[in-house]
C-alpha atoms as a PDB file:
ATOM      1  CA  MET A   1     152.759  50.990 -20.167  1.00  0.00           C
ATOM      2  CA  PRO A   2     152.304  54.665 -20.820  1.00  0.00           C
ATOM      3  CA  ALA A   3     149.618  55.515 -22.966  1.00  0.00           C
ATOM      4  CA  VAL A   4     149.570  57.917 -26.288  1.00  0.00           C
ATOM      5  CA  THR A   5     147.302  60.419 -27.288  1.00  0.00           C
ATOM      6  CA  ILE A   6     146.759  61.937 -30.509  1.00  0.00           C
ATOM      7  CA  ARG A   7     144.651  65.373 -30.860  1.00  0.00           C
ATOM      8  CA  ASN A   8     143.269  66.362 -34.651  1.00  0.00           C
ATOM      9  CA  LEU A   9     143.313  63.392 -36.339  1.00  0.00           C
ATOM     10  CA  PRO A  10     141.468  63.861 -39.471  1.00  0.00           C
ATOM     11  CA  GLU A  11     138.396  62.124 -39.584  1.00  0.00           C
ATOM     12  CA  GLU A  12     139.314  60.723 -42.811  1.00  0.00           C
ATOM     13  CA  THR A  13     142.794  59.186 -41.163  1.00  0.00           C
ATOM     14  CA  HIS A  14     141.226  57.554 -38.229  1.00  0.00           C
ATOM     15  CA  ARG A  15     138.618  56.285 -40.829  1.00  0.00           C
ATOM     16  CA  ALA A  16     141.448  54.281 -43.366  1.00  0.00           C
ATOM     17  CA  LEU A  17     142.877  53.093 -40.111  1.00  0.00           C
ATOM     18  CA  LYS A  18     139.957  51.450 -39.175  1.00  0.00           C
ATOM     19  CA  VAL A  19     139.399  50.216 -42.055  1.00  0.00           C
ATOM     20  CA  ARG A  20     143.097  48.677 -41.911  1.00  0.00           C
ATOM     21  CA  ALA A  21     142.525  47.536 -39.113  1.00  0.00           C
ATOM     22  CA  ALA A  22     139.442  45.572 -39.782  1.00  0.00           C
ATOM     23  CA  ARG A  23     141.147  44.414 -42.998  1.00  0.00           C
ATOM     24  CA  HIS A  24     144.077  42.776 -40.116  1.00  0.00           C
ATOM     25  CA  ASN A  25     141.159  41.853 -38.126  1.00  0.00           C
ATOM     26  CA  ARG A  26     142.748  44.154 -35.041  1.00  0.00           C
ATOM     27  CA  SER A  27     140.908  46.187 -33.183  1.00  0.00           C
ATOM     28  CA  THR A  28     142.494  50.520 -34.656  1.00  0.00           C
ATOM     29  CA  GLU A  29     143.611  50.608 -31.128  1.00  0.00           C
ATOM     30  CA  ALA A  30     146.429  47.114 -31.983  1.00  0.00           C
ATOM     31  CA  GLU A  31     146.902  48.731 -35.669  1.00  0.00           C
ATOM     32  CA  MET A  32     148.683  52.049 -34.011  1.00  0.00           C
ATOM     33  CA  ARG A  33     150.459  49.891 -32.351  1.00  0.00           C
ATOM     34  CA  ALA A  34     151.185  47.624 -34.947  1.00  0.00           C
ATOM     35  CA  ILE A  35     152.235  51.105 -37.383  1.00  0.00           C
ATOM     36  CA  LEU A  36     154.690  52.932 -34.345  1.00  0.00           C
ATOM     37  CA  GLU A  37     156.410  49.183 -33.351  1.00  0.00           C
ATOM     38  CA  ALA A  38     156.999  48.515 -37.310  1.00  0.00           C
ATOM     39  CA  ALA A  39     157.811  52.782 -37.690  1.00  0.00           C
ATOM     40  CA  VAL A  40     160.494  52.664 -35.293  1.00  0.00           C
ATOM     41  CA  ARG A  41     161.556  49.607 -34.415  1.00  0.00           C
ATOM     42  CA  PRO A  42     161.805  47.661 -38.606  1.00  0.00           C
ATOM     43  CA  ALA A  43     162.661  44.332 -38.493  1.00  0.00           C
ATOM     44  CA  GLY A  44     165.370  44.485 -40.275  1.00  0.00           C
ATOM     45  CA  ARG A  45     167.668  46.276 -37.930  1.00  0.00           C
ATOM     46  CA  LEU A  46     170.884  45.445 -36.569  1.00  0.00           C
ATOM     47  CA  ARG A  47     170.672  43.385 -33.332  1.00  0.00           C
ATOM     48  CA  LEU A  48     174.372  44.143 -31.299  1.00  0.00           C
ATOM     49  CA  GLY A  49     174.026  40.817 -29.960  1.00  0.00           C
ATOM     50  CA  THR A  50     173.306  38.308 -33.025  1.00  0.00           C
ATOM     51  CA  ALA A  51     175.841  40.376 -34.877  1.00  0.00           C
ATOM     52  CA  LEU A  52     178.466  39.878 -32.224  1.00  0.00           C
ATOM     53  CA  ALA A  53     177.979  36.067 -32.063  1.00  0.00           C
ATOM     54  CA  GLY A  54     177.882  35.769 -35.875  1.00  0.00           C
ATOM     55  CA  MET A  55     181.225  37.166 -36.302  1.00  0.00           C
ATOM     56  CA  SER A  56     182.025  35.244 -33.638  1.00  0.00           C
ATOM     57  CA  ARG A  57     180.969  32.291 -34.827  1.00  0.00           C
ATOM     58  CA  LYS A  58     182.366  33.581 -38.206  1.00  0.00           C
ATOM     59  CA  ILE A  59     186.249  33.640 -36.840  1.00  0.00           C
ATOM     60  CA  GLY A  60     184.928  30.509 -34.762  1.00  0.00           C
ATOM     61  CA  LEU A  61     185.602  32.175 -30.873  1.00  0.00           C
ATOM     62  CA  THR A  62     184.231  29.240 -28.609  1.00  0.00           C
ATOM     63  CA  ASN A  63     183.777  29.869 -24.937  1.00  0.00           C
ATOM     64  CA  ALA A  64     186.992  28.305 -24.214  1.00  0.00           C
ATOM     65  CA  ASP A  65     188.719  30.953 -25.842  1.00  0.00           C
ATOM     66  CA  VAL A  66     186.505  33.874 -23.858  1.00  0.00           C
ATOM     67  CA  GLU A  67     187.649  31.800 -20.675  1.00  0.00           C
ATOM     68  CA  ALA A  68     190.690  32.490 -21.744  1.00  0.00           C
ATOM     69  CA  LEU A  69     190.319  36.024 -22.238  1.00  0.00           C
ATOM     70  CA  GLU A  70     188.529  36.378 -18.868  1.00  0.00           C
ATOM     71  CA  GLN A  71     191.392  35.518 -16.818  1.00  0.00           C
ATOM     72  CA  ALA A  72     193.549  37.114 -18.532  1.00  0.00           C
ATOM     73  CA  ARG A  73     191.738  40.442 -18.112  1.00  0.00           C
ATOM     74  CA  ASP A  74     192.730  42.685 -15.760  1.00  0.00           C
ATOM     75  CA  THR A  75     190.399  43.325 -12.347  1.00  0.00           C
ATOM     76  CA  SER A  76     192.229  46.000 -10.578  1.00  0.00           C
ATOM     77  CA  PRO A  77     190.440  48.575  -9.824  1.00  0.00           C
ATOM     78  CA  ALA A  78     191.134  51.818 -12.972  1.00  0.00           C
ATOM     79  CA  GLU A  79     193.476  54.499 -11.686  1.00  0.00           C
ATOM     80  CA  PRO A  80     191.307  57.377 -11.854  1.00  0.00           C
ATOM     81  CA  LEU A  81     192.079  60.285 -14.871  1.00  0.00           C
ATOM     82  CA  TYR A  82     193.830  63.757 -13.337  1.00  0.00           C
ATOM     83  CA  LEU A  83     193.539  66.390 -15.564  1.00  0.00           C
ATOM     84  CA  GLU A  84     196.193  69.571 -14.145  1.00  0.00           C
END
């Protein structure tokens, strides 16, 4: 797993992180991981698989429909594109 070093972090910020970590019953390092995770992967983010499954349920798509699409799909290799 990658490691990150944060240089020149003000003492006030480090102290505030320690206090916040204590409030959440975590180590300072665990608190920083939680903060970074929340910043880059918010809970309300769109999850493509979940969205597609929801759309499929909404329109009434069944496994039988998906199997029919699979059988009807052309599985021959694509022809290369030639540009002149």
